[in-house]
Each structure stands twice: as C-alpha cells, then as structure tokens.
Amino acid sequence: LMSHTLALGRSMRPNYLWGFYLFPNCYN
C-alpha cells in the first residue's frame, strides 16, 4: 500500500518530493 501510493505520486507529480511524515524515526 505505501510503496504503490508513493509510486503513484512520483509518476503523477514528479516535481514534488514525496515521503511519509515521521519516517525514519529514531525512538530516542
């Protein structure tokens, strides 16, 4: 689900920088 959603965003709007909030986490 996550990788396909990112792939869709990259293909549709490649000029935007796509990623998930809170990733990566360090839990420090």
PDB file of all heavy atoms in Angstrom:
ATOM      1  N   LEU A   1       0.825  -1.207   0.000  1.00  0.00           N
ATOM      2  CA  LEU A   1       0.000   0.000   0.000  1.00  0.00           C
ATOM      3  C   LEU A   1       0.859   1.258   0.000  1.00  0.00           C
ATOM      4  O   LEU A   1       0.614   2.196  -0.778  1.00  0.00           O
ATOM      5  CB  LEU A   1      -0.919  -0.009   1.222  1.00  0.00           C
ATOM      6  CG  LEU A   1      -1.822   1.210   1.379  1.00  0.00           C
ATOM      7  CD1 LEU A   1      -2.777   1.332   0.209  1.00  0.00           C
ATOM      8  CD2 LEU A   1      -2.596   1.130   2.702  1.00  0.00           C
ATOM      9  N   MET A   2       1.867   1.308   0.846  1.00  0.00           N
ATOM     10  CA  MET A   2       2.691   2.506   0.955  1.00  0.00           C
ATOM     11  C   MET A   2       3.541   2.724  -0.285  1.00  0.00           C
ATOM     12  O   MET A   2       3.632   3.834  -0.815  1.00  0.00           O
ATOM     13  CB  MET A   2       3.569   2.424   2.207  1.00  0.00           C
ATOM     14  CG  MET A   2       2.779   2.454   3.508  1.00  0.00           C
ATOM     15  SD  MET A   2       3.802   2.213   5.000  1.00  0.00           S
ATOM     16  CE  MET A   2       4.703   3.774   5.042  1.00  0.00           C
ATOM     17  N   SER A   3       4.180   1.674  -0.776  1.00  0.00           N
ATOM     18  CA  SER A   3       5.066   1.827  -1.938  1.00  0.00           C
ATOM     19  C   SER A   3       4.280   2.138  -3.206  1.00  0.00           C
ATOM     20  O   SER A   3       4.728   2.952  -4.033  1.00  0.00           O
ATOM     21  CB  SER A   3       5.918   0.573  -2.128  1.00  0.00           C
ATOM     22  OG  SER A   3       5.112  -0.568  -2.333  1.00  0.00           O
ATOM     23  N   HIS A   4       3.105   1.515  -3.380  1.00  0.00           N
ATOM     24  CA  HIS A   4       2.293   1.819  -4.566  1.00  0.00           C
ATOM     25  C   HIS A   4       1.757   3.250  -4.517  1.00  0.00           C
ATOM     26  O   HIS A   4       1.671   3.919  -5.551  1.00  0.00           O
ATOM     27  CB  HIS A   4       1.121   0.830  -4.671  1.00  0.00           C
ATOM     28  CG  HIS A   4       1.488  -0.462  -5.331  1.00  0.00           C
ATOM     29  ND1 HIS A   4       2.040  -1.526  -4.646  1.00  0.00           N
ATOM     30  CD2 HIS A   4       1.392  -0.869  -6.634  1.00  0.00           C
ATOM     31  CE1 HIS A   4       2.258  -2.531  -5.481  1.00  0.00           C
ATOM     32  NE2 HIS A   4       1.888  -2.151  -6.687  1.00  0.00           N
ATOM     33  N   THR A   5       1.419   3.726  -3.329  1.00  0.00           N
ATOM     34  CA  THR A   5       0.942   5.105  -3.198  1.00  0.00           C
ATOM     35  C   THR A   5       2.053   6.095  -3.523  1.00  0.00           C
ATOM     36  O   THR A   5       1.830   7.092  -4.224  1.00  0.00           O
ATOM     37  CB  THR A   5       0.394   5.349  -1.786  1.00  0.00           C
ATOM     38  OG1 THR A   5      -0.645   4.395  -1.497  1.00  0.00           O
ATOM     39  CG2 THR A   5      -0.167   6.755  -1.663  1.00  0.00           C
ATOM     40  N   LEU A   6       3.253   5.822  -3.022  1.00  0.00           N
ATOM     41  CA  LEU A   6       4.391   6.683  -3.356  1.00  0.00           C
ATOM     42  C   LEU A   6       4.685   6.648  -4.847  1.00  0.00           C
ATOM     43  O   LEU A   6       4.974   7.686  -5.467  1.00  0.00           O
ATOM     44  CB  LEU A   6       5.626   6.247  -2.570  1.00  0.00           C
ATOM     45  CG  LEU A   6       5.714   6.670  -1.105  1.00  0.00           C
ATOM     46  CD1 LEU A   6       6.909   6.005  -0.443  1.00  0.00           C
ATOM     47  CD2 LEU A   6       5.809   8.187  -0.969  1.00  0.00           C
ATOM     48  N   ALA A   7       4.641   5.471  -5.441  1.00  0.00           N
ATOM     49  CA  ALA A   7       4.916   5.346  -6.880  1.00  0.00           C
ATOM     50  C   ALA A   7       3.911   6.140  -7.698  1.00  0.00           C
ATOM     51  O   ALA A   7       4.268   6.778  -8.700  1.00  0.00           O
ATOM     52  CB  ALA A   7       4.897   3.876  -7.285  1.00  0.00           C
ATOM     53  N   LEU A   8       2.652   6.107  -7.267  1.00  0.00           N
ATOM     54  CA  LEU A   8       1.631   6.889  -7.969  1.00  0.00           C
ATOM     55  C   LEU A   8       1.946   8.378  -7.881  1.00  0.00           C
ATOM     56  O   LEU A   8       1.893   9.098  -8.892  1.00  0.00           O
ATOM     57  CB  LEU A   8       0.258   6.616  -7.358  1.00  0.00           C
ATOM     58  CG  LEU A   8      -0.885   7.459  -7.937  1.00  0.00           C
ATOM     59  CD1 LEU A   8      -1.240   6.984  -9.336  1.00  0.00           C
ATOM     60  CD2 LEU A   8      -2.108   7.409  -7.025  1.00  0.00           C
ATOM     61  N   GLY A   9       2.275   8.857  -6.682  1.00  0.00           N
ATOM     62  CA  GLY A   9       2.593  10.268  -6.517  1.00  0.00           C
ATOM     63  C   GLY A   9       3.792  10.685  -7.352  1.00  0.00           C
ATOM     64  O   GLY A   9       3.767  11.732  -8.004  1.00  0.00           O
ATOM     65  N   ARG A  10       4.837   9.865  -7.342  1.00  0.00           N
ATOM     66  CA  ARG A  10       6.039  10.192  -8.124  1.00  0.00           C
ATOM     67  C   ARG A  10       5.731  10.254  -9.612  1.00  0.00           C
ATOM     68  O   ARG A  10       6.241  11.121 -10.323  1.00  0.00           O
ATOM     69  CB  ARG A  10       7.136   9.150  -7.873  1.00  0.00           C
ATOM     70  CG  ARG A  10       7.697   9.109  -6.480  1.00  0.00           C
ATOM     71  CD  ARG A  10       9.028   8.345  -6.449  1.00  0.00           C
ATOM     72  NE  ARG A  10       8.963   7.114  -7.214  1.00  0.00           N
ATOM     73  CZ  ARG A  10       8.624   5.925  -6.739  1.00  0.00           C
ATOM     74  NH1 ARG A  10       8.279   5.822  -5.454  1.00  0.00           N
ATOM     75  NH2 ARG A  10       8.617   4.849  -7.498  1.00  0.00           N
ATOM     76  N   SER A  11       4.911   9.319 -10.099  1.00  0.00           N
ATOM     77  CA  SER A  11       4.618   9.284 -11.534  1.00  0.00           C
ATOM     78  C   SER A  11       3.707  10.429 -11.958  1.00  0.00           C
ATOM     79  O   SER A  11       3.866  10.988 -13.047  1.00  0.00           O
ATOM     80  CB  SER A  11       3.982   7.941 -11.907  1.00  0.00           C
ATOM     81  OG  SER A  11       2.712   7.783 -11.278  1.00  0.00           O
ATOM     82  N   MET A  12       2.756  10.794 -11.089  1.00  0.00           N
ATOM     83  CA  MET A  12       1.815  11.855 -11.448  1.00  0.00           C
ATOM     84  C   MET A  12       2.414  13.247 -11.268  1.00  0.00           C
ATOM     85  O   MET A  12       2.191  14.133 -12.094  1.00  0.00           O
ATOM     86  CB  MET A  12       0.554  11.731 -10.594  1.00  0.00           C
ATOM     87  CG  MET A  12      -0.308  10.519 -10.895  1.00  0.00           C
ATOM     88  SD  MET A  12      -1.844  10.527  -9.928  1.00  0.00           S
ATOM     89  CE  MET A  12      -2.677  11.974 -10.615  1.00  0.00           C
ATOM     90  N   ARG A  13       3.163  13.440 -10.183  1.00  0.00           N
ATOM     91  CA  ARG A  13       3.746  14.763  -9.891  1.00  0.00           C
ATOM     92  C   ARG A  13       5.225  14.577  -9.531  1.00  0.00           C
ATOM     93  O   ARG A  13       5.630  14.698  -8.369  1.00  0.00           O
ATOM     94  CB  ARG A  13       2.987  15.436  -8.748  1.00  0.00           C
ATOM     95  CG  ARG A  13       1.504  15.667  -9.034  1.00  0.00           C
ATOM     96  CD  ARG A  13       1.285  16.645 -10.178  1.00  0.00           C
ATOM     97  NE  ARG A  13      -0.144  16.908 -10.367  1.00  0.00           N
ATOM     98  CZ  ARG A  13      -0.914  16.258 -11.239  1.00  0.00           C
ATOM     99  NH1 ARG A  13      -0.400  15.278 -11.989  1.00  0.00           N
ATOM    100  NH2 ARG A  13      -2.195  16.565 -11.365  1.00  0.00           N
ATOM    101  N   PRO A  14       6.055  14.299 -10.530  1.00  0.00           N
ATOM    102  CA  PRO A  14       7.477  14.028 -10.263  1.00  0.00           C
ATOM    103  C   PRO A  14       8.243  15.232  -9.738  1.00  0.00           C
ATOM    104  O   PRO A  14       9.328  15.070  -9.186  1.00  0.00           O
ATOM    105  CB  PRO A  14       8.001  13.581 -11.627  1.00  0.00           C
ATOM    106  CG  PRO A  14       7.065  14.193 -12.625  1.00  0.00           C
ATOM    107  CD  PRO A  14       5.723  14.188 -11.958  1.00  0.00           C
ATOM    108  N   ASN A  15       7.694  16.425  -9.896  1.00  0.00           N
ATOM    109  CA  ASN A  15       8.393  17.615  -9.408  1.00  0.00           C
ATOM    110  C   ASN A  15       8.164  17.866  -7.921  1.00  0.00           C
ATOM    111  O   ASN A  15       8.788  18.765  -7.346  1.00  0.00           O
ATOM    112  CB  ASN A  15       7.956  18.843 -10.203  1.00  0.00           C
ATOM    113  CG  ASN A  15       8.468  18.804 -11.627  1.00  0.00           C
ATOM    114  OD1 ASN A  15       9.506  18.226 -11.898  1.00  0.00           O
ATOM    115  ND2 ASN A  15       7.739  19.400 -12.548  1.00  0.00           N
ATOM    116  N   TYR A  16       7.290  17.099  -7.324  1.00  0.00           N
ATOM    117  CA  TYR A  16       7.106  17.181  -5.872  1.00  0.00           C
ATOM    118  C   TYR A  16       7.972  16.117  -5.205  1.00  0.00           C
ATOM    119  O   TYR A  16       8.231  15.062  -5.780  1.00  0.00           O
ATOM    120  CB  TYR A  16       5.640  16.968  -5.506  1.00  0.00           C
ATOM    121  CG  TYR A  16       4.839  18.255  -5.466  1.00  0.00           C
ATOM    122  CD1 TYR A  16       4.554  18.944  -6.637  1.00  0.00           C
ATOM    123  CD2 TYR A  16       4.393  18.793  -4.263  1.00  0.00           C
ATOM    124  CE1 TYR A  16       3.836  20.134  -6.620  1.00  0.00           C
ATOM    125  CE2 TYR A  16       3.672  19.975  -4.231  1.00  0.00           C
ATOM    126  CZ  TYR A  16       3.400  20.645  -5.406  1.00  0.00           C
ATOM    127  OH  TYR A  16       2.702  21.823  -5.371  1.00  0.00           O
ATOM    128  N   LEU A  17       8.405  16.404  -3.989  1.00  0.00           N
ATOM    129  CA  LEU A  17       9.227  15.472  -3.220  1.00  0.00           C
ATOM    130  C   LEU A  17       8.318  14.673  -2.292  1.00  0.00           C
ATOM    131  O   LEU A  17       7.754  15.216  -1.340  1.00  0.00           O
ATOM    132  CB  LEU A  17      10.284  16.238  -2.419  1.00  0.00           C
ATOM    133  CG  LEU A  17      11.314  17.003  -3.258  1.00  0.00           C
ATOM    134  CD1 LEU A  17      12.247  17.803  -2.361  1.00  0.00           C
ATOM    135  CD2 LEU A  17      12.106  16.058  -4.133  1.00  0.00           C
ATOM    136  N   TRP A  18       8.189  13.378  -2.572  1.00  0.00           N
ATOM    137  CA  TRP A  18       7.228  12.523  -1.888  1.00  0.00           C
ATOM    138  C   TRP A  18       7.881  11.724  -0.759  1.00  0.00           C
ATOM    139  O   TRP A  18       8.943  11.131  -0.922  1.00  0.00           O
ATOM    140  CB  TRP A  18       6.597  11.553  -2.888  1.00  0.00           C
ATOM    141  CG  TRP A  18       5.672  12.220  -3.857  1.00  0.00           C
ATOM    142  CD1 TRP A  18       6.013  12.831  -5.033  1.00  0.00           C
ATOM    143  CD2 TRP A  18       4.258  12.364  -3.723  1.00  0.00           C
ATOM    144  NE1 TRP A  18       4.899  13.346  -5.637  1.00  0.00           N
ATOM    145  CE2 TRP A  18       3.803  13.075  -4.864  1.00  0.00           C
ATOM    146  CE3 TRP A  18       3.328  11.957  -2.768  1.00  0.00           C
ATOM    147  CZ2 TRP A  18       2.453  13.381  -5.057  1.00  0.00           C
ATOM    148  CZ3 TRP A  18       1.989  12.268  -2.959  1.00  0.00           C
ATOM    149  CH2 TRP A  18       1.567  12.971  -4.096  1.00  0.00           C
ATOM    150  N   GLY A  19       7.190  11.705   0.379  1.00  0.00           N
ATOM    151  CA  GLY A  19       7.662  10.913   1.508  1.00  0.00           C
ATOM    152  C   GLY A  19       6.617  10.860   2.601  1.00  0.00           C
ATOM    153  O   GLY A  19       5.592  11.557   2.547  1.00  0.00           O
ATOM    154  N   PHE A  20       6.862  10.034   3.612  1.00  0.00           N
ATOM    155  CA  PHE A  20       5.954   9.876   4.745  1.00  0.00           C
ATOM    156  C   PHE A  20       6.469  10.650   5.950  1.00  0.00           C
ATOM    157  O   PHE A  20       7.648  10.540   6.313  1.00  0.00           O
ATOM    158  CB  PHE A  20       5.807   8.391   5.112  1.00  0.00           C
ATOM    159  CG  PHE A  20       4.851   7.637   4.226  1.00  0.00           C
ATOM    160  CD1 PHE A  20       5.297   7.040   3.060  1.00  0.00           C
ATOM    161  CD2 PHE A  20       3.513   7.531   4.570  1.00  0.00           C
ATOM    162  CE1 PHE A  20       4.423   6.341   2.243  1.00  0.00           C
ATOM    163  CE2 PHE A  20       2.627   6.835   3.758  1.00  0.00           C
ATOM    164  CZ  PHE A  20       3.077   6.232   2.584  1.00  0.00           C
ATOM    165  N   TYR A  21       5.572  11.405   6.563  1.00  0.00           N
ATOM    166  CA  TYR A  21       5.898  12.087   7.816  1.00  0.00           C
ATOM    167  C   TYR A  21       6.244  11.057   8.892  1.00  0.00           C
ATOM    168  O   TYR A  21       5.648   9.987   8.981  1.00  0.00           O
ATOM    169  CB  TYR A  21       4.709  12.942   8.266  1.00  0.00           C
ATOM    170  CG  TYR A  21       4.814  13.442   9.680  1.00  0.00           C
ATOM    171  CD1 TYR A  21       5.795  14.349  10.035  1.00  0.00           C
ATOM    172  CD2 TYR A  21       3.932  12.999  10.666  1.00  0.00           C
ATOM    173  CE1 TYR A  21       5.909  14.810  11.337  1.00  0.00           C
ATOM    174  CE2 TYR A  21       4.021  13.451  11.970  1.00  0.00           C
ATOM    175  CZ  TYR A  21       5.015  14.358  12.298  1.00  0.00           C
ATOM    176  OH  TYR A  21       5.123  14.805  13.593  1.00  0.00           O
ATOM    177  N   LEU A  22       7.251  11.375   9.701  1.00  0.00           N
ATOM    178  CA  LEU A  22       7.741  10.560  10.815  1.00  0.00           C
ATOM    179  C   LEU A  22       8.682   9.436  10.387  1.00  0.00           C
ATOM    180  O   LEU A  22       9.110   8.645  11.228  1.00  0.00           O
ATOM    181  CB  LEU A  22       6.593   9.943  11.634  1.00  0.00           C
ATOM    182  CG  LEU A  22       5.949  10.841  12.679  1.00  0.00           C
ATOM    183  CD1 LEU A  22       4.803  10.102  13.379  1.00  0.00           C
ATOM    184  CD2 LEU A  22       6.958  11.306  13.713  1.00  0.00           C
ATOM    185  N   PHE A  23       9.023   9.391   9.110  1.00  0.00           N
ATOM    186  CA  PHE A  23       9.935   8.339   8.642  1.00  0.00           C
ATOM    187  C   PHE A  23      11.230   8.960   8.134  1.00  0.00           C
ATOM    188  O   PHE A  23      11.183   9.846   7.278  1.00  0.00           O
ATOM    189  CB  PHE A  23       9.272   7.510   7.537  1.00  0.00           C
ATOM    190  CG  PHE A  23       8.203   6.590   8.039  1.00  0.00           C
ATOM    191  CD1 PHE A  23       6.898   7.022   8.157  1.00  0.00           C
ATOM    192  CD2 PHE A  23       8.512   5.300   8.415  1.00  0.00           C
ATOM    193  CE1 PHE A  23       5.904   6.179   8.634  1.00  0.00           C
ATOM    194  CE2 PHE A  23       7.526   4.442   8.888  1.00  0.00           C
ATOM    195  CZ  PHE A  23       6.217   4.884   9.000  1.00  0.00           C
ATOM    196  N   PRO A  24      12.382   8.494   8.619  1.00  0.00           N
ATOM    197  CA  PRO A  24      12.512   7.460   9.649  1.00  0.00           C
ATOM    198  C   PRO A  24      12.360   8.037  11.055  1.00  0.00           C
ATOM    199  O   PRO A  24      12.461   9.235  11.254  1.00  0.00           O
ATOM    200  CB  PRO A  24      13.935   6.954   9.435  1.00  0.00           C
ATOM    201  CG  PRO A  24      14.674   8.182   9.006  1.00  0.00           C
ATOM    202  CD  PRO A  24      13.698   8.944   8.136  1.00  0.00           C
ATOM    203  N   ASN A  25      12.148   7.124  12.000  1.00  0.00           N
ATOM    204  CA  ASN A  25      12.111   7.515  13.399  1.00  0.00           C
ATOM    205  C   ASN A  25      13.300   6.883  14.115  1.00  0.00           C
ATOM    206  O   ASN A  25      13.821   5.853  13.684  1.00  0.00           O
ATOM    207  CB  ASN A  25      10.810   7.073  14.062  1.00  0.00           C
ATOM    208  CG  ASN A  25      10.465   7.940  15.269  1.00  0.00           C
ATOM    209  OD1 ASN A  25      11.336   8.531  15.896  1.00  0.00           O
ATOM    210  ND2 ASN A  25       9.183   8.021  15.586  1.00  0.00           N
ATOM    211  N   CYS A  26      13.710   7.523  15.176  1.00  0.00           N
ATOM    212  CA  CYS A  26      14.869   7.061  15.946  1.00  0.00           C
ATOM    213  C   CYS A  26      14.442   6.507  17.301  1.00  0.00           C
ATOM    214  O   CYS A  26      15.167   5.722  17.903  1.00  0.00           O
ATOM    215  CB  CYS A  26      15.827   8.241  16.133  1.00  0.00           C
ATOM    216  SG  CYS A  26      17.314   7.932  17.073  1.00  0.00           S
ATOM    217  N   TYR A  27      13.245   6.921  17.755  1.00  0.00           N
ATOM    218  CA  TYR A  27      12.724   6.481  19.054  1.00  0.00           C
ATOM    219  C   TYR A  27      13.741   6.717  20.180  1.00  0.00           C
ATOM    220  O   TYR A  27      13.884   5.906  21.084  1.00  0.00           O
ATOM    221  CB  TYR A  27      12.315   5.008  19.002  1.00  0.00           C
ATOM    222  CG  TYR A  27      11.273   4.727  17.947  1.00  0.00           C
ATOM    223  CD1 TYR A  27      11.629   4.136  16.741  1.00  0.00           C
ATOM    224  CD2 TYR A  27       9.939   5.079  18.141  1.00  0.00           C
ATOM    225  CE1 TYR A  27      10.662   3.896  15.752  1.00  0.00           C
ATOM    226  CE2 TYR A  27       8.977   4.843  17.167  1.00  0.00           C
ATOM    227  CZ  TYR A  27       9.345   4.247  15.976  1.00  0.00           C
ATOM    228  OH  TYR A  27       8.395   4.020  15.001  1.00  0.00           O
ATOM    229  N   ASN A  28      14.441   7.848  20.088  1.00  0.00           N
ATOM    230  CA  ASN A  28      15.475   8.143  21.086  1.00  0.00           C
ATOM    231  C   ASN A  28      14.907   8.961  22.241  1.00  0.00           C
ATOM    232  O   ASN A  28      15.312  10.090  22.497  1.00  0.00           O
ATOM    233  CB  ASN A  28      16.671   8.856  20.438  1.00  0.00           C
ATOM    234  CG  ASN A  28      16.257  10.118  19.689  1.00  0.00           C
ATOM    235  OD1 ASN A  28      15.083  10.363  19.431  1.00  0.00           O
ATOM    236  ND2 ASN A  28      17.240  10.928  19.320  1.00  0.00           N
TER     237      ASN A  28
END
